[in-house]
PDB file of all heavy atoms in Angstrom:
ATOM      1  N   HIS A   1     -43.625 -37.096  41.754  1.00  0.00           N
ATOM      2  CA  HIS A   1     -44.734 -36.413  42.407  1.00  0.00           C
ATOM      3  C   HIS A   1     -46.030 -36.651  41.638  1.00  0.00           C
ATOM      4  O   HIS A   1     -47.092 -36.909  42.231  1.00  0.00           O
ATOM      5  CB  HIS A   1     -44.435 -34.911  42.492  1.00  0.00           C
ATOM      6  CG  HIS A   1     -45.466 -34.107  43.223  1.00  0.00           C
ATOM      7  ND1 HIS A   1     -46.675 -33.756  42.659  1.00  0.00           N
ATOM      8  CD2 HIS A   1     -45.493 -33.610  44.488  1.00  0.00           C
ATOM      9  CE1 HIS A   1     -47.392 -33.068  43.522  1.00  0.00           C
ATOM     10  NE2 HIS A   1     -46.695 -32.960  44.639  1.00  0.00           N
ATOM     11  N   GLU A   2     -45.949 -36.587  40.318  1.00  0.00           N
ATOM     12  CA  GLU A   2     -47.142 -36.830  39.502  1.00  0.00           C
ATOM     13  C   GLU A   2     -47.611 -38.274  39.619  1.00  0.00           C
ATOM     14  O   GLU A   2     -48.815 -38.552  39.556  1.00  0.00           O
ATOM     15  CB  GLU A   2     -46.854 -36.447  38.050  1.00  0.00           C
ATOM     16  CG  GLU A   2     -46.679 -34.949  37.873  1.00  0.00           C
ATOM     17  CD  GLU A   2     -46.278 -34.541  36.478  1.00  0.00           C
ATOM     18  OE1 GLU A   2     -45.992 -35.447  35.651  1.00  0.00           O
ATOM     19  OE2 GLU A   2     -46.242 -33.321  36.206  1.00  0.00           O
ATOM     20  N   GLU A   3     -46.663 -39.188  39.819  1.00  0.00           N
ATOM     21  CA  GLU A   3     -47.035 -40.589  40.026  1.00  0.00           C
ATOM     22  C   GLU A   3     -47.752 -40.761  41.362  1.00  0.00           C
ATOM     23  O   GLU A   3     -48.768 -41.448  41.450  1.00  0.00           O
ATOM     24  CB  GLU A   3     -45.789 -41.472  39.972  1.00  0.00           C
ATOM     25  CG  GLU A   3     -46.080 -42.962  39.995  1.00  0.00           C
ATOM     26  CD  GLU A   3     -46.666 -43.475  38.694  1.00  0.00           C
ATOM     27  OE1 GLU A   3     -46.640 -42.755  37.680  1.00  0.00           O
ATOM     28  OE2 GLU A   3     -47.170 -44.620  38.695  1.00  0.00           O
ATOM     29  N   TYR A   4     -47.229 -40.131  42.426  1.00  0.00           N
ATOM     30  CA  TYR A   4     -47.924 -40.169  43.715  1.00  0.00           C
ATOM     31  C   TYR A   4     -49.339 -39.623  43.552  1.00  0.00           C
ATOM     32  O   TYR A   4     -50.317 -40.210  44.028  1.00  0.00           O
ATOM     33  CB  TYR A   4     -47.225 -39.297  44.769  1.00  0.00           C
ATOM     34  CG  TYR A   4     -45.771 -39.546  45.042  1.00  0.00           C
ATOM     35  CD1 TYR A   4     -44.923 -38.479  45.341  1.00  0.00           C
ATOM     36  CD2 TYR A   4     -45.220 -40.818  45.030  1.00  0.00           C
ATOM     37  CE1 TYR A   4     -43.584 -38.666  45.607  1.00  0.00           C
ATOM     38  CE2 TYR A   4     -43.875 -41.021  45.289  1.00  0.00           C
ATOM     39  CZ  TYR A   4     -43.059 -39.932  45.580  1.00  0.00           C
ATOM     40  OH  TYR A   4     -41.734 -40.118  45.850  1.00  0.00           O
ATOM     41  N   ALA A   5     -49.439 -38.459  42.896  1.00  0.00           N
ATOM     42  CA  ALA A   5     -50.729 -37.782  42.768  1.00  0.00           C
ATOM     43  C   ALA A   5     -51.716 -38.607  41.947  1.00  0.00           C
ATOM     44  O   ALA A   5     -52.913 -38.652  42.263  1.00  0.00           O
ATOM     45  CB  ALA A   5     -50.533 -36.404  42.128  1.00  0.00           C
ATOM     46  N   ARG A   6     -51.219 -39.261  40.899  1.00  0.00           N
ATOM     47  CA  ARG A   6     -52.103 -40.090  40.073  1.00  0.00           C
ATOM     48  C   ARG A   6     -52.667 -41.249  40.867  1.00  0.00           C
ATOM     49  O   ARG A   6     -53.863 -41.569  40.764  1.00  0.00           O
ATOM     50  CB  ARG A   6     -51.333 -40.600  38.854  1.00  0.00           C
ATOM     51  CG  ARG A   6     -52.173 -41.382  37.860  1.00  0.00           C
ATOM     52  CD  ARG A   6     -51.337 -41.822  36.674  1.00  0.00           C
ATOM     53  NE  ARG A   6     -50.403 -42.876  37.023  1.00  0.00           N
ATOM     54  CZ  ARG A   6     -50.737 -44.165  37.113  1.00  0.00           C
ATOM     55  NH1 ARG A   6     -51.984 -44.550  36.918  1.00  0.00           N
ATOM     56  NH2 ARG A   6     -49.820 -45.070  37.410  1.00  0.00           N
ATOM     57  N   ARG A   7     -51.814 -41.877  41.674  1.00  0.00           N
ATOM     58  CA  ARG A   7     -52.250 -43.057  42.414  1.00  0.00           C
ATOM     59  C   ARG A   7     -53.021 -42.692  43.688  1.00  0.00           C
ATOM     60  O   ARG A   7     -53.693 -43.558  44.250  1.00  0.00           O
ATOM     61  CB  ARG A   7     -51.032 -43.923  42.763  1.00  0.00           C
ATOM     62  CG  ARG A   7     -50.393 -44.554  41.530  1.00  0.00           C
ATOM     63  CD  ARG A   7     -49.144 -45.329  41.838  1.00  0.00           C
ATOM     64  NE  ARG A   7     -48.586 -45.939  40.639  1.00  0.00           N
ATOM     65  CZ  ARG A   7     -48.892 -47.160  40.186  1.00  0.00           C
ATOM     66  NH1 ARG A   7     -49.744 -47.905  40.865  1.00  0.00           N
ATOM     67  NH2 ARG A   7     -48.345 -47.630  39.094  1.00  0.00           N
ATOM     68  N   MET A   8     -52.910 -41.459  44.144  1.00  0.00           N
ATOM     69  CA  MET A   8     -53.593 -41.051  45.372  1.00  0.00           C
ATOM     70  C   MET A   8     -54.447 -39.815  45.135  1.00  0.00           C
ATOM     71  O   MET A   8     -54.582 -38.958  46.008  1.00  0.00           O
ATOM     72  CB  MET A   8     -52.567 -40.802  46.478  1.00  0.00           C
ATOM     73  CG  MET A   8     -51.790 -42.053  46.835  1.00  0.00           C
ATOM     74  SD  MET A   8     -50.947 -41.918  48.411  1.00  0.00           S
ATOM     75  CE  MET A   8     -50.583 -43.650  48.726  1.00  0.00           C
ATOM     76  N   SER A   9     -55.031 -39.748  43.941  1.00  0.00           N
ATOM     77  CA  SER A   9     -55.797 -38.557  43.562  1.00  0.00           C
ATOM     78  C   SER A   9     -56.978 -38.309  44.493  1.00  0.00           C
ATOM     79  O   SER A   9     -57.373 -37.158  44.707  1.00  0.00           O
ATOM     80  CB  SER A   9     -56.284 -38.693  42.115  1.00  0.00           C
ATOM     81  OG  SER A   9     -57.086 -39.861  41.967  1.00  0.00           O
ATOM     82  N   ARG A  10     -57.540 -39.363  45.069  1.00  0.00           N
ATOM     83  CA  ARG A  10     -58.717 -39.184  45.931  1.00  0.00           C
ATOM     84  C   ARG A  10     -58.392 -38.400  47.194  1.00  0.00           C
ATOM     85  O   ARG A  10     -59.297 -37.890  47.858  1.00  0.00           O
ATOM     86  CB  ARG A  10     -59.326 -40.536  46.284  1.00  0.00           C
ATOM     87  CG  ARG A  10     -58.454 -41.416  47.166  1.00  0.00           C
ATOM     88  CD  ARG A  10     -59.072 -42.802  47.289  1.00  0.00           C
ATOM     89  NE  ARG A  10     -59.061 -43.488  46.002  1.00  0.00           N
ATOM     90  CZ  ARG A  10     -59.882 -44.492  45.691  1.00  0.00           C
ATOM     91  NH1 ARG A  10     -60.780 -44.896  46.559  1.00  0.00           N
ATOM     92  NH2 ARG A  10     -59.804 -45.081  44.514  1.00  0.00           N
ATOM     93  N   PHE A  11     -57.111 -38.326  47.552  1.00  0.00           N
ATOM     94  CA  PHE A  11     -56.741 -37.588  48.758  1.00  0.00           C
ATOM     95  C   PHE A  11     -56.442 -36.119  48.463  1.00  0.00           C
ATOM     96  O   PHE A  11     -56.246 -35.327  49.376  1.00  0.00           O
ATOM     97  CB  PHE A  11     -55.513 -38.225  49.415  1.00  0.00           C
ATOM     98  CG  PHE A  11     -55.736 -39.655  49.814  1.00  0.00           C
ATOM     99  CD1 PHE A  11     -55.116 -40.680  49.118  1.00  0.00           C
ATOM    100  CD2 PHE A  11     -56.585 -39.983  50.856  1.00  0.00           C
ATOM    101  CE1 PHE A  11     -55.323 -41.997  49.468  1.00  0.00           C
ATOM    102  CE2 PHE A  11     -56.808 -41.307  51.205  1.00  0.00           C
ATOM    103  CZ  PHE A  11     -56.176 -42.320  50.510  1.00  0.00           C
ATOM    104  N   ILE A  12     -56.399 -35.776  47.192  1.00  0.00           N
ATOM    105  CA  ILE A  12     -56.054 -34.405  46.821  1.00  0.00           C
ATOM    106  C   ILE A  12     -57.283 -33.623  46.385  1.00  0.00           C
ATOM    107  O   ILE A  12     -57.455 -32.464  46.746  1.00  0.00           O
ATOM    108  CB  ILE A  12     -55.010 -34.394  45.686  1.00  0.00           C
ATOM    109  CG1 ILE A  12     -53.759 -35.158  46.112  1.00  0.00           C
ATOM    110  CG2 ILE A  12     -54.642 -32.971  45.304  1.00  0.00           C
ATOM    111  CD1 ILE A  12     -52.736 -35.324  45.006  1.00  0.00           C
ATOM    112  N   ALA A  13     -58.163 -34.283  45.611  1.00  0.00           N
ATOM    113  CA  ALA A  13     -59.315 -33.623  45.003  1.00  0.00           C
ATOM    114  C   ALA A  13     -58.800 -32.423  44.201  1.00  0.00           C
ATOM    115  O   ALA A  13     -57.930 -32.561  43.360  1.00  0.00           O
ATOM    116  CB  ALA A  13     -60.333 -33.228  46.059  1.00  0.00           C
ATOM    117  N   ASP A  14     -59.327 -31.227  44.498  1.00  0.00           N
ATOM    118  CA  ASP A  14     -58.889 -30.037  43.765  1.00  0.00           C
ATOM    119  C   ASP A  14     -57.896 -29.209  44.573  1.00  0.00           C
ATOM    120  O   ASP A  14     -57.609 -28.060  44.221  1.00  0.00           O
ATOM    121  CB  ASP A  14     -60.105 -29.168  43.397  1.00  0.00           C
ATOM    122  CG  ASP A  14     -61.044 -29.904  42.442  1.00  0.00           C
ATOM    123  OD1 ASP A  14     -60.525 -30.650  41.593  1.00  0.00           O
ATOM    124  OD2 ASP A  14     -62.269 -29.723  42.559  1.00  0.00           O
ATOM    125  N   ARG A  15     -57.365 -29.775  45.646  1.00  0.00           N
ATOM    126  CA  ARG A  15     -56.430 -29.016  46.482  1.00  0.00           C
ATOM    127  C   ARG A  15     -55.099 -28.815  45.786  1.00  0.00           C
ATOM    128  O   ARG A  15     -54.618 -29.689  45.072  1.00  0.00           O
ATOM    129  CB  ARG A  15     -56.188 -29.750  47.810  1.00  0.00           C
ATOM    130  CG  ARG A  15     -57.339 -29.664  48.795  1.00  0.00           C
ATOM    131  CD  ARG A  15     -56.890 -30.189  50.157  1.00  0.00           C
ATOM    132  NE  ARG A  15     -56.471 -31.584  50.075  1.00  0.00           N
ATOM    133  CZ  ARG A  15     -55.451 -32.090  50.749  1.00  0.00           C
ATOM    134  NH1 ARG A  15     -54.714 -31.313  51.527  1.00  0.00           N
ATOM    135  NH2 ARG A  15     -55.137 -33.378  50.646  1.00  0.00           N
ATOM    136  N   GLN A  16     -54.507 -27.675  46.012  1.00  0.00           N
ATOM    137  CA  GLN A  16     -53.154 -27.403  45.537  1.00  0.00           C
ATOM    138  C   GLN A  16     -52.206 -27.662  46.702  1.00  0.00           C
ATOM    139  O   GLN A  16     -52.247 -26.962  47.710  1.00  0.00           O
ATOM    140  CB  GLN A  16     -53.027 -25.949  45.070  1.00  0.00           C
ATOM    141  CG  GLN A  16     -51.656 -25.592  44.518  1.00  0.00           C
ATOM    142  CD  GLN A  16     -51.384 -26.264  43.191  1.00  0.00           C
ATOM    143  OE1 GLN A  16     -52.265 -26.391  42.356  1.00  0.00           O
ATOM    144  NE2 GLN A  16     -50.150 -26.706  42.998  1.00  0.00           N
ATOM    145  N   LEU A  17     -51.381 -28.683  46.586  1.00  0.00           N
ATOM    146  CA  LEU A  17     -50.461 -29.004  47.670  1.00  0.00           C
ATOM    147  C   LEU A  17     -49.348 -27.956  47.743  1.00  0.00           C
ATOM    148  O   LEU A  17     -48.938 -27.415  46.714  1.00  0.00           O
ATOM    149  CB  LEU A  17     -49.856 -30.390  47.464  1.00  0.00           C
ATOM    150  CG  LEU A  17     -50.821 -31.567  47.458  1.00  0.00           C
ATOM    151  CD1 LEU A  17     -50.051 -32.875  47.308  1.00  0.00           C
ATOM    152  CD2 LEU A  17     -51.672 -31.599  48.717  1.00  0.00           C
ATOM    153  N   PRO A  18     -48.865 -27.664  48.944  1.00  0.00           N
ATOM    154  CA  PRO A  18     -47.761 -26.700  49.057  1.00  0.00           C
ATOM    155  C   PRO A  18     -46.507 -27.206  48.353  1.00  0.00           C
ATOM    156  O   PRO A  18     -46.239 -28.401  48.334  1.00  0.00           O
ATOM    157  CB  PRO A  18     -47.545 -26.586  50.580  1.00  0.00           C
ATOM    158  CG  PRO A  18     -48.113 -27.850  51.148  1.00  0.00           C
ATOM    159  CD  PRO A  18     -49.261 -28.209  50.251  1.00  0.00           C
ATOM    160  N   ARG A  19     -45.774 -26.299  47.777  1.00  0.00           N
ATOM    161  CA  ARG A  19     -44.541 -26.663  47.097  1.00  0.00           C
ATOM    162  C   ARG A  19     -43.512 -27.109  48.129  1.00  0.00           C
ATOM    163  O   ARG A  19     -43.265 -26.426  49.112  1.00  0.00           O
ATOM    164  CB  ARG A  19     -44.004 -25.463  46.306  1.00  0.00           C
ATOM    165  CG  ARG A  19     -42.924 -25.815  45.286  1.00  0.00           C
ATOM    166  CD  ARG A  19     -42.444 -24.570  44.561  1.00  0.00           C
ATOM    167  NE  ARG A  19     -43.501 -23.961  43.767  1.00  0.00           N
ATOM    168  CZ  ARG A  19     -43.773 -24.267  42.514  1.00  0.00           C
ATOM    169  NH1 ARG A  19     -43.059 -25.204  41.898  1.00  0.00           N
ATOM    170  NH2 ARG A  19     -44.745 -23.670  41.868  1.00  0.00           N
ATOM    171  N   GLY A  20     -42.926 -28.275  47.934  1.00  0.00           N
ATOM    172  CA  GLY A  20     -41.985 -28.828  48.897  1.00  0.00           C
ATOM    173  C   GLY A  20     -40.593 -28.243  48.743  1.00  0.00           C
ATOM    174  O   GLY A  20     -40.197 -27.819  47.653  1.00  0.00           O
ATOM    175  N   ASN A  21     -39.848 -28.215  49.822  1.00  0.00           N
ATOM    176  CA  ASN A  21     -38.450 -27.801  49.801  1.00  0.00           C
ATOM    177  C   ASN A  21     -37.557 -29.025  49.680  1.00  0.00           C
ATOM    178  O   ASN A  21     -37.767 -30.023  50.373  1.00  0.00           O
ATOM    179  CB  ASN A  21     -38.096 -27.035  51.077  1.00  0.00           C
ATOM    180  CG  ASN A  21     -38.784 -25.684  51.138  1.00  0.00           C
ATOM    181  OD1 ASN A  21     -38.589 -24.843  50.274  1.00  0.00           O
ATOM    182  ND2 ASN A  21     -39.610 -25.486  52.154  1.00  0.00           N
ATOM    183  N   VAL A  22     -36.565 -28.942  48.805  1.00  0.00           N
ATOM    184  CA  VAL A  22     -35.629 -30.044  48.591  1.00  0.00           C
ATOM    185  C   VAL A  22     -34.209 -29.488  48.695  1.00  0.00           C
ATOM    186  O   VAL A  22     -33.882 -28.495  48.033  1.00  0.00           O
ATOM    187  CB  VAL A  22     -35.820 -30.700  47.210  1.00  0.00           C
ATOM    188  CG1 VAL A  22     -34.831 -31.843  47.014  1.00  0.00           C
ATOM    189  CG2 VAL A  22     -37.248 -31.209  47.053  1.00  0.00           C
ATOM    190  N   TYR A  23     -33.395 -30.147  49.520  1.00  0.00           N
ATOM    191  CA  TYR A  23     -31.999 -29.747  49.695  1.00  0.00           C
ATOM    192  C   TYR A  23     -31.111 -30.902  49.241  1.00  0.00           C
ATOM    193  O   TYR A  23     -31.139 -31.986  49.838  1.00  0.00           O
ATOM    194  CB  TYR A  23     -31.725 -29.381  51.157  1.00  0.00           C
ATOM    195  CG  TYR A  23     -32.527 -28.184  51.625  1.00  0.00           C
ATOM    196  CD1 TYR A  23     -33.829 -28.342  52.107  1.00  0.00           C
ATOM    197  CD2 TYR A  23     -31.995 -26.895  51.541  1.00  0.00           C
ATOM    198  CE1 TYR A  23     -34.578 -27.252  52.512  1.00  0.00           C
ATOM    199  CE2 TYR A  23     -32.739 -25.797  51.941  1.00  0.00           C
ATOM    200  CZ  TYR A  23     -34.025 -25.970  52.421  1.00  0.00           C
ATOM    201  OH  TYR A  23     -34.775 -24.879  52.818  1.00  0.00           O
ATOM    202  N   LEU A  24     -30.375 -30.671  48.170  1.00  0.00           N
ATOM    203  CA  LEU A  24     -29.519 -31.703  47.582  1.00  0.00           C
ATOM    204  C   LEU A  24     -28.068 -31.284  47.763  1.00  0.00           C
ATOM    205  O   LEU A  24     -27.611 -30.300  47.157  1.00  0.00           O
ATOM    206  CB  LEU A  24     -29.843 -31.871  46.096  1.00  0.00           C
ATOM    207  CG  LEU A  24     -31.296 -32.215  45.754  1.00  0.00           C
ATOM    208  CD1 LEU A  24     -31.502 -32.234  44.246  1.00  0.00           C
ATOM    209  CD2 LEU A  24     -31.699 -33.540  46.372  1.00  0.00           C
ATOM    210  N   PHE A  25     -27.355 -32.027  48.589  1.00  0.00           N
ATOM    211  CA  PHE A  25     -25.984 -31.685  48.928  1.00  0.00           C
ATOM    212  C   PHE A  25     -25.003 -32.609  48.221  1.00  0.00           C
ATOM    213  O   PHE A  25     -25.270 -33.798  48.053  1.00  0.00           O
ATOM    214  CB  PHE A  25     -25.761 -31.796  50.445  1.00  0.00           C
ATOM    215  CG  PHE A  25     -26.637 -30.880  51.257  1.00  0.00           C
ATOM    216  CD1 PHE A  25     -27.818 -31.351  51.823  1.00  0.00           C
ATOM    217  CD2 PHE A  25     -26.285 -29.549  51.444  1.00  0.00           C
ATOM    218  CE1 PHE A  25     -28.635 -30.515  52.564  1.00  0.00           C
ATOM    219  CE2 PHE A  25     -27.093 -28.710  52.191  1.00  0.00           C
ATOM    220  CZ  PHE A  25     -28.279 -29.187  52.752  1.00  0.00           C
ATOM    221  N   ALA A  26     -23.863 -32.060  47.852  1.00  0.00           N
ATOM    222  CA  ALA A  26     -22.800 -32.887  47.303  1.00  0.00           C
ATOM    223  C   ALA A  26     -22.131 -33.701  48.414  1.00  0.00           C
ATOM    224  O   ALA A  26     -21.854 -34.884  48.242  1.00  0.00           O
ATOM    225  CB  ALA A  26     -21.767 -32.022  46.584  1.00  0.00           C
ATOM    226  N   ARG A  27     -21.899 -33.086  49.568  1.00  0.00           N
ATOM    227  CA  ARG A  27     -21.122 -33.697  50.641  1.00  0.00           C
ATOM    228  C   ARG A  27     -22.003 -34.148  51.801  1.00  0.00           C
ATOM    229  O   ARG A  27     -22.944 -33.453  52.191  1.00  0.00           O
ATOM    230  CB  ARG A  27     -20.071 -32.708  51.168  1.00  0.00           C
ATOM    231  CG  ARG A  27     -19.049 -32.264  50.138  1.00  0.00           C
ATOM    232  CD  ARG A  27     -18.175 -31.133  50.642  1.00  0.00           C
ATOM    233  NE  ARG A  27     -17.399 -31.556  51.826  1.00  0.00           N
ATOM    234  CZ  ARG A  27     -17.550 -31.045  53.034  1.00  0.00           C
ATOM    235  NH1 ARG A  27     -18.456 -30.104  53.254  1.00  0.00           N
ATOM    236  NH2 ARG A  27     -16.799 -31.466  54.027  1.00  0.00           N
ATOM    237  N   GLN A  28     -21.685 -35.290  52.357  1.00  0.00           N
ATOM    238  CA  GLN A  28     -22.421 -35.809  53.504  1.00  0.00           C
ATOM    239  C   GLN A  28     -22.323 -34.860  54.695  1.00  0.00           C
ATOM    240  O   GLN A  28     -23.309 -34.666  55.421  1.00  0.00           O
ATOM    241  CB  GLN A  28     -21.904 -37.188  53.903  1.00  0.00           C
ATOM    242  CG  GLN A  28     -22.703 -37.815  55.044  1.00  0.00           C
ATOM    243  CD  GLN A  28     -22.123 -39.138  55.511  1.00  0.00           C
ATOM    244  OE1 GLN A  28     -20.927 -39.374  55.367  1.00  0.00           O
ATOM    245  NE2 GLN A  28     -22.963 -39.995  56.070  1.00  0.00           N
ATOM    246  N   GLU A  29     -21.177 -34.250  54.918  1.00  0.00           N
ATOM    247  CA  GLU A  29     -21.017 -33.385  56.082  1.00  0.00           C
ATOM    248  C   GLU A  29     -21.960 -32.187  56.030  1.00  0.00           C
ATOM    249  O   GLU A  29     -22.510 -31.769  57.054  1.00  0.00           O
ATOM    250  CB  GLU A  29     -19.554 -32.926  56.202  1.00  0.00           C
ATOM    251  CG  GLU A  29     -18.586 -34.033  56.593  1.00  0.00           C
ATOM    252  CD  GLU A  29     -19.032 -34.778  57.854  1.00  0.00           C
ATOM    253  OE1 GLU A  29     -19.330 -34.117  58.867  1.00  0.00           O
ATOM    254  OE2 GLU A  29     -19.116 -36.017  57.810  1.00  0.00           O
ATOM    255  N   ASP A  30     -22.172 -31.626  54.839  1.00  0.00           N
ATOM    256  CA  ASP A  30     -23.118 -30.514  54.717  1.00  0.00           C
ATOM    257  C   ASP A  30     -24.551 -30.992  54.973  1.00  0.00           C
ATOM    258  O   ASP A  30     -25.355 -30.281  55.586  1.00  0.00           O
ATOM    259  CB  ASP A  30     -23.012 -29.869  53.339  1.00  0.00           C
ATOM    260  CG  ASP A  30     -21.697 -29.123  53.148  1.00  0.00           C
ATOM    261  OD1 ASP A  30     -21.125 -28.667  54.159  1.00  0.00           O
ATOM    262  OD2 ASP A  30     -21.236 -29.011  51.998  1.00  0.00           O
ATOM    263  N   TYR A  31     -24.846 -32.172  54.480  1.00  0.00           N
ATOM    264  CA  TYR A  31     -26.151 -32.785  54.763  1.00  0.00           C
ATOM    265  C   TYR A  31     -26.367 -32.949  56.265  1.00  0.00           C
ATOM    266  O   TYR A  31     -27.439 -32.638  56.798  1.00  0.00           O
ATOM    267  CB  TYR A  31     -26.227 -34.138  54.049  1.00  0.00           C
ATOM    268  CG  TYR A  31     -27.317 -35.076  54.522  1.00  0.00           C
ATOM    269  CD1 TYR A  31     -28.644 -34.875  54.164  1.00  0.00           C
ATOM    270  CD2 TYR A  31     -27.010 -36.186  55.324  1.00  0.00           C
ATOM    271  CE1 TYR A  31     -29.641 -35.750  54.579  1.00  0.00           C
ATOM    272  CE2 TYR A  31     -27.991 -37.060  55.740  1.00  0.00           C
ATOM    273  CZ  TYR A  31     -29.304 -36.838  55.372  1.00  0.00           C
ATOM    274  OH  TYR A  31     -30.294 -37.696  55.793  1.00  0.00           O
ATOM    275  N   LEU A  32     -25.345 -33.410  56.977  1.00  0.00           N
ATOM    276  CA  LEU A  32     -25.467 -33.626  58.422  1.00  0.00           C
ATOM    277  C   LEU A  32     -25.599 -32.309  59.177  1.00  0.00           C
ATOM    278  O   LEU A  32     -26.312 -32.236  60.182  1.00  0.00           O
ATOM    279  CB  LEU A  32     -24.273 -34.425  58.936  1.00  0.00           C
ATOM    280  CG  LEU A  32     -24.199 -35.879  58.443  1.00  0.00           C
ATOM    281  CD1 LEU A  32     -22.897 -36.531  58.891  1.00  0.00           C
ATOM    282  CD2 LEU A  32     -25.395 -36.690  58.941  1.00  0.00           C
TER     283      LEU A  32
END
């Protein structure tokens, strides 16, 4: 995320981006 922000800082300026949700599943079936 910090790498994205460093390379695209002009699109952020002083904005605080919303915190993203991440779902990491062990099993493919739960992911589906």
